PDB file of N, CA and C in Angstrom:
ATOM      1  N   MET A   1       0.849  -1.177   0.000  1.00  0.00           N
ATOM      2  CA  MET A   1       0.000   0.000   0.000  1.00  0.00           C
ATOM      3  C   MET A   1       0.890   1.234   0.000  1.00  0.00           C
ATOM      4  N   ALA A   2       0.547   2.209  -0.771  1.00  0.00           N
ATOM      5  CA  ALA A   2       1.327   3.439  -0.865  1.00  0.00           C
ATOM      6  C   ALA A   2       1.045   4.348   0.329  1.00  0.00           C
ATOM      7  N   ARG A   3       2.068   5.030   0.769  1.00  0.00           N
ATOM      8  CA  ARG A   3       1.905   5.967   1.877  1.00  0.00           C
ATOM      9  C   ARG A   3       1.378   7.286   1.333  1.00  0.00           C
ATOM     10  N   THR A   4       0.285   7.768   1.883  1.00  0.00           N
ATOM     11  CA  THR A   4      -0.317   9.016   1.408  1.00  0.00           C
ATOM     12  C   THR A   4      -0.116  10.153   2.394  1.00  0.00           C
ATOM     13  N   GLN A   5       0.410   9.831   3.577  1.00  0.00           N
ATOM     14  CA  GLN A   5       0.627  10.864   4.585  1.00  0.00           C
ATOM     15  C   GLN A   5       1.886  11.642   4.223  1.00  0.00           C
ATOM     16  N   SER A   6       1.803  12.965   4.248  1.00  0.00           N
ATOM     17  CA  SER A   6       2.933  13.797   3.847  1.00  0.00           C
ATOM     18  C   SER A   6       3.949  13.932   4.970  1.00  0.00           C
ATOM     19  N   THR A   7       5.123  14.420   4.624  1.00  0.00           N
ATOM     20  CA  THR A   7       6.146  14.665   5.631  1.00  0.00           C
ATOM     21  C   THR A   7       6.021  16.100   6.135  1.00  0.00           C
ATOM     22  N   CYS A   8       6.627  16.360   7.277  1.00  0.00           N
ATOM     23  CA  CYS A   8       6.502  17.651   7.948  1.00  0.00           C
ATOM     24  C   CYS A   8       7.118  18.772   7.097  1.00  0.00           C
ATOM     25  N   GLY A   9       8.381  18.685   6.805  1.00  0.00           N
ATOM     26  CA  GLY A   9       9.038  19.677   5.961  1.00  0.00           C
ATOM     27  C   GLY A   9       9.446  20.961   6.661  1.00  0.00           C
ATOM     28  N   ALA A  10       9.252  21.061   7.979  1.00  0.00           N
ATOM     29  CA  ALA A  10       9.654  22.272   8.705  1.00  0.00           C
ATOM     30  C   ALA A  10      11.178  22.368   8.739  1.00  0.00           C
ATOM     31  N   ARG A  11      11.689  23.574   8.819  1.00  0.00           N
ATOM     32  CA  ARG A  11      13.134  23.769   8.903  1.00  0.00           C
ATOM     33  C   ARG A  11      13.628  23.387  10.297  1.00  0.00           C
ATOM     34  N   THR A  12      14.715  22.621  10.331  1.00  0.00           N
ATOM     35  CA  THR A  12      15.303  22.217  11.606  1.00  0.00           C
ATOM     36  C   THR A  12      16.362  23.224  12.033  1.00  0.00           C
ATOM     37  N   LYS A  13      16.917  23.037  13.228  1.00  0.00           N
ATOM     38  CA  LYS A  13      17.961  23.932  13.735  1.00  0.00           C
ATOM     39  C   LYS A  13      19.188  23.930  12.840  1.00  0.00           C
ATOM     40  N   HIS A  14      19.428  22.794  12.180  1.00  0.00           N
ATOM     41  CA  HIS A  14      20.611  22.661  11.337  1.00  0.00           C
ATOM     42  C   HIS A  14      20.362  23.086   9.894  1.00  0.00           C
ATOM     43  N   GLY A  15      19.158  23.579   9.607  1.00  0.00           N
ATOM     44  CA  GLY A  15      18.863  24.108   8.273  1.00  0.00           C
ATOM     45  C   GLY A  15      18.247  23.114   7.309  1.00  0.00           C
ATOM     46  N   GLY A  16      18.143  21.855   7.691  1.00  0.00           N
ATOM     47  CA  GLY A  16      17.542  20.857   6.829  1.00  0.00           C
ATOM     48  C   GLY A  16      16.029  20.822   7.003  1.00  0.00           C
ATOM     49  N   CYS A  17      15.405  19.901   6.301  1.00  0.00           N
ATOM     50  CA  CYS A  17      13.956  19.731   6.422  1.00  0.00           C
ATOM     51  C   CYS A  17      13.648  18.566   7.357  1.00  0.00           C
ATOM     52  N   CYS A  18      12.627  18.714   8.161  1.00  0.00           N
ATOM     53  CA  CYS A  18      12.178  17.643   9.044  1.00  0.00           C
ATOM     54  C   CYS A  18      11.614  16.523   8.182  1.00  0.00           C
ATOM     55  N   ARG A  19      11.981  15.295   8.492  1.00  0.00           N
ATOM     56  CA  ARG A  19      11.528  14.158   7.697  1.00  0.00           C
ATOM     57  C   ARG A  19      10.476  13.320   8.401  1.00  0.00           C
ATOM     58  N   ARG A  20       9.988  13.784   9.545  1.00  0.00           N
ATOM     59  CA  ARG A  20       8.939  13.063  10.264  1.00  0.00           C
ATOM     60  C   ARG A  20       7.626  13.178   9.503  1.00  0.00           C
ATOM     61  N   LEU A  21       6.725  12.229   9.738  1.00  0.00           N
ATOM     62  CA  LEU A  21       5.418  12.283   9.089  1.00  0.00           C
ATOM     63  C   LEU A  21       4.566  13.368   9.730  1.00  0.00           C
ATOM     64  N   ALA A  22       3.843  14.082   8.900  1.00  0.00           N
ATOM     65  CA  ALA A  22       2.933  15.117   9.401  1.00  0.00           C
ATOM     66  C   ALA A  22       1.756  14.450  10.087  1.00  0.00           C
ATOM     67  N   MET A  23       1.169  15.150  11.038  1.00  0.00           N
ATOM     68  CA  MET A  23       0.001  14.620  11.731  1.00  0.00           C
ATOM     69  C   MET A  23      -1.194  14.628  10.782  1.00  0.00           C
ATOM     70  N   VAL A  24      -2.115  13.725  10.998  1.00  0.00           N
ATOM     71  CA  VAL A  24      -3.297  13.612  10.136  1.00  0.00           C
ATOM     72  C   VAL A  24      -4.094  14.912  10.218  1.00  0.00           C
ATOM     73  N   GLY A  25      -4.394  15.482   9.082  1.00  0.00           N
ATOM     74  CA  GLY A  25      -5.154  16.724   9.026  1.00  0.00           C
ATOM     75  C   GLY A  25      -4.310  17.960   9.267  1.00  0.00           C
ATOM     76  N   ALA A  26      -2.991  17.819   9.252  1.00  0.00           N
ATOM     77  CA  ALA A  26      -2.108  18.959   9.495  1.00  0.00           C
ATOM     78  C   ALA A  26      -0.939  18.902   8.521  1.00  0.00           C
ATOM     79  N   SER A  27      -0.187  19.983   8.467  1.00  0.00           N
ATOM     80  CA  SER A  27       0.958  20.014   7.567  1.00  0.00           C
ATOM     81  C   SER A  27       2.273  19.808   8.304  1.00  0.00           C
ATOM     82  N   ARG A  28       2.232  19.708   9.630  1.00  0.00           N
ATOM     83  CA  ARG A  28       3.449  19.561  10.430  1.00  0.00           C
ATOM     84  C   ARG A  28       3.354  18.371  11.374  1.00  0.00           C
ATOM     85  N   CYS A  29       4.512  17.905  11.837  1.00  0.00           N
ATOM     86  CA  CYS A  29       4.568  16.806  12.794  1.00  0.00           C
ATOM     87  C   CYS A  29       4.271  17.332  14.197  1.00  0.00           C
ATOM     88  N   ASN A  30       4.208  16.435  15.169  1.00  0.00           N
ATOM     89  CA  ASN A  30       3.869  16.876  16.519  1.00  0.00           C
ATOM     90  C   ASN A  30       4.979  17.711  17.159  1.00  0.00           C
ATOM     91  N   LEU A  31       6.190  17.636  16.660  1.00  0.00           N
ATOM     92  CA  LEU A  31       7.280  18.451  17.201  1.00  0.00           C
ATOM     93  C   LEU A  31       7.243  19.882  16.669  1.00  0.00           C
ATOM     94  N   HIS A  32       6.744  20.060  15.461  1.00  0.00           N
ATOM     95  CA  HIS A  32       6.777  21.373  14.822  1.00  0.00           C
ATOM     96  C   HIS A  32       5.417  22.055  14.735  1.00  0.00           C
ATOM     97  N   ARG A  33       4.392  21.427  15.251  1.00  0.00           N
ATOM     98  CA  ARG A  33       3.095  22.088  15.257  1.00  0.00           C
ATOM     99  C   ARG A  33       3.134  23.199  16.296  1.00  0.00           C
ATOM    100  N   GLY A  34       2.371  24.220  16.101  1.00  0.00           N
ATOM    101  CA  GLY A  34       2.368  25.340  17.023  1.00  0.00           C
ATOM    102  C   GLY A  34       0.963  25.840  17.247  1.00  0.00           C
ATOM    103  N   ASP A  35       0.837  26.957  17.874  1.00  0.00           N
ATOM    104  CA  ASP A  35      -0.477  27.522  18.127  1.00  0.00           C
ATOM    105  C   ASP A  35      -1.149  27.997  16.845  1.00  0.00           C
ATOM    106  N   TRP A  36      -0.396  28.103  15.769  1.00  0.00           N
ATOM    107  CA  TRP A  36      -0.937  28.550  14.494  1.00  0.00           C
ATOM    108  C   TRP A  36      -1.601  27.416  13.727  1.00  0.00           C
ATOM    109  N   ALA A  37      -1.382  26.164  14.142  1.00  0.00           N
ATOM    110  CA  ALA A  37      -1.881  25.014  13.405  1.00  0.00           C
ATOM    111  C   ALA A  37      -3.406  25.009  13.370  1.00  0.00           C
ATOM    112  N   THR A  38      -3.970  24.536  12.281  1.00  0.00           N
ATOM    113  CA  THR A  38      -5.410  24.541  12.081  1.00  0.00           C
ATOM    114  C   THR A  38      -6.142  23.808  13.192  1.00  0.00           C
ATOM    115  N   TYR A  39      -5.657  22.613  13.546  1.00  0.00           N
ATOM    116  CA  TYR A  39      -6.370  21.849  14.568  1.00  0.00           C
ATOM    117  C   TYR A  39      -6.235  22.496  15.937  1.00  0.00           C
ATOM    118  N   THR A  40      -5.151  23.213  16.201  1.00  0.00           N
ATOM    119  CA  THR A  40      -4.992  23.912  17.476  1.00  0.00           C
ATOM    120  C   THR A  40      -5.941  25.101  17.534  1.00  0.00           C
ATOM    121  N   ILE A  41      -6.083  25.808  16.437  1.00  0.00           N
ATOM    122  CA  ILE A  41      -6.988  26.964  16.375  1.00  0.00           C
ATOM    123  C   ILE A  41      -8.420  26.504  16.587  1.00  0.00           C
ATOM    124  N   GLU A  42      -8.809  25.412  15.933  1.00  0.00           N
ATOM    125  CA  GLU A  42     -10.164  24.895  16.086  1.00  0.00           C
ATOM    126  C   GLU A  42     -10.419  24.450  17.519  1.00  0.00           C
ATOM    127  N   ARG A  43      -9.429  23.783  18.130  1.00  0.00           N
ATOM    128  CA  ARG A  43      -9.577  23.336  19.510  1.00  0.00           C
ATOM    129  C   ARG A  43      -9.742  24.533  20.445  1.00  0.00           C
ATOM    130  N   ASP A  44      -8.946  25.588  20.240  1.00  0.00           N
ATOM    131  CA  ASP A  44      -9.039  26.779  21.080  1.00  0.00           C
ATOM    132  C   ASP A  44     -10.387  27.481  20.909  1.00  0.00           C
ATOM    133  N   ARG A  45     -10.911  27.526  19.697  1.00  0.00           N
ATOM    134  CA  ARG A  45     -12.212  28.141  19.460  1.00  0.00           C
ATOM    135  C   ARG A  45     -13.312  27.369  20.184  1.00  0.00           C
ATOM    136  N   GLU A  46     -13.231  26.040  20.107  1.00  0.00           N
ATOM    137  CA  GLU A  46     -14.229  25.215  20.784  1.00  0.00           C
ATOM    138  C   GLU A  46     -14.138  25.393  22.298  1.00  0.00           C
ATOM    139  N   ARG A  47     -12.946  25.501  22.827  1.00  0.00           N
ATOM    140  CA  ARG A  47     -12.754  25.723  24.258  1.00  0.00           C
ATOM    141  C   ARG A  47     -13.343  27.067  24.672  1.00  0.00           C
ATOM    142  N   GLU A  48     -13.159  28.098  23.840  1.00  0.00           N
ATOM    143  CA  GLU A  48     -13.710  29.421  24.136  1.00  0.00           C
ATOM    144  C   GLU A  48     -15.238  29.402  24.084  1.00  0.00           C
ATOM    145  N   ARG A  49     -15.814  28.666  23.135  1.00  0.00           N
ATOM    146  CA  ARG A  49     -17.271  28.539  23.071  1.00  0.00           C
ATOM    147  C   ARG A  49     -17.813  27.872  24.329  1.00  0.00           C
ATOM    148  N   ALA A  50     -17.108  26.851  24.804  1.00  0.00           N
ATOM    149  CA  ALA A  50     -17.533  26.155  26.017  1.00  0.00           C
ATOM    150  C   ALA A  50     -17.469  27.095  27.224  1.00  0.00           C
ATOM    151  N   ARG A  51     -16.437  27.903  27.302  1.00  0.00           N
ATOM    152  CA  ARG A  51     -16.316  28.867  28.399  1.00  0.00           C
ATOM    153  C   ARG A  51     -17.439  29.894  28.340  1.00  0.00           C
ATOM    154  N   ALA A  52     -17.784  30.338  27.126  1.00  0.00           N
ATOM    155  CA  ALA A  52     -18.845  31.329  26.965  1.00  0.00           C
ATOM    156  C   ALA A  52     -20.190  30.759  27.414  1.00  0.00           C
ATOM    157  N   ARG A  53     -20.406  29.462  27.167  1.00  0.00           N
ATOM    158  CA  ARG A  53     -21.653  28.830  27.602  1.00  0.00           C
ATOM    159  C   ARG A  53     -21.717  28.709  29.117  1.00  0.00           C
ATOM    160  N   MET A  54     -20.566  28.577  29.761  1.00  0.00           N
ATOM    161  CA  MET A  54     -20.525  28.394  31.217  1.00  0.00           C
ATOM    162  C   MET A  54     -20.622  29.713  31.978  1.00  0.00           C
ATOM    163  N   ARG A  55     -20.280  30.828  31.312  1.00  0.00           N
ATOM    164  CA  ARG A  55     -20.311  32.126  31.983  1.00  0.00           C
ATOM    165  C   ARG A  55     -21.742  32.523  32.323  1.00  0.00           C
ATOM    166  N   PRO A  56     -21.944  33.089  33.504  1.00  0.00           N
ATOM    167  CA  PRO A  56     -23.288  33.555  33.837  1.00  0.00           C
ATOM    168  C   PRO A  56     -23.652  34.798  33.000  1.00  0.00           C
ATOM    169  N   LYS A  57     -24.895  34.882  32.638  1.00  0.00           N
ATOM    170  CA  LYS A  57     -25.374  36.051  31.874  1.00  0.00           C
ATOM    171  C   LYS A  57     -25.533  37.235  32.824  1.00  0.00           C
ATOM    172  N   ARG A  58     -25.240  38.405  32.319  1.00  0.00           N
ATOM    173  CA  ARG A  58     -25.380  39.616  33.148  1.00  0.00           C
ATOM    174  C   ARG A  58     -26.712  40.259  32.936  1.00  0.00           C
TER     175      ARG A  58
END
């Protein structure tokens, strides 16, 4: 079976490209993902929605 998962490709400290597999649904591996990653942004938005539901109405 052919591998369809892409590689990370982030720049390493030594100037090369990271050769780890990217996480599913992301363009970077777990070492190079950051707060800018799509799944992190979605998770943070969902967390904020949950907090807004828990806040008492004024």
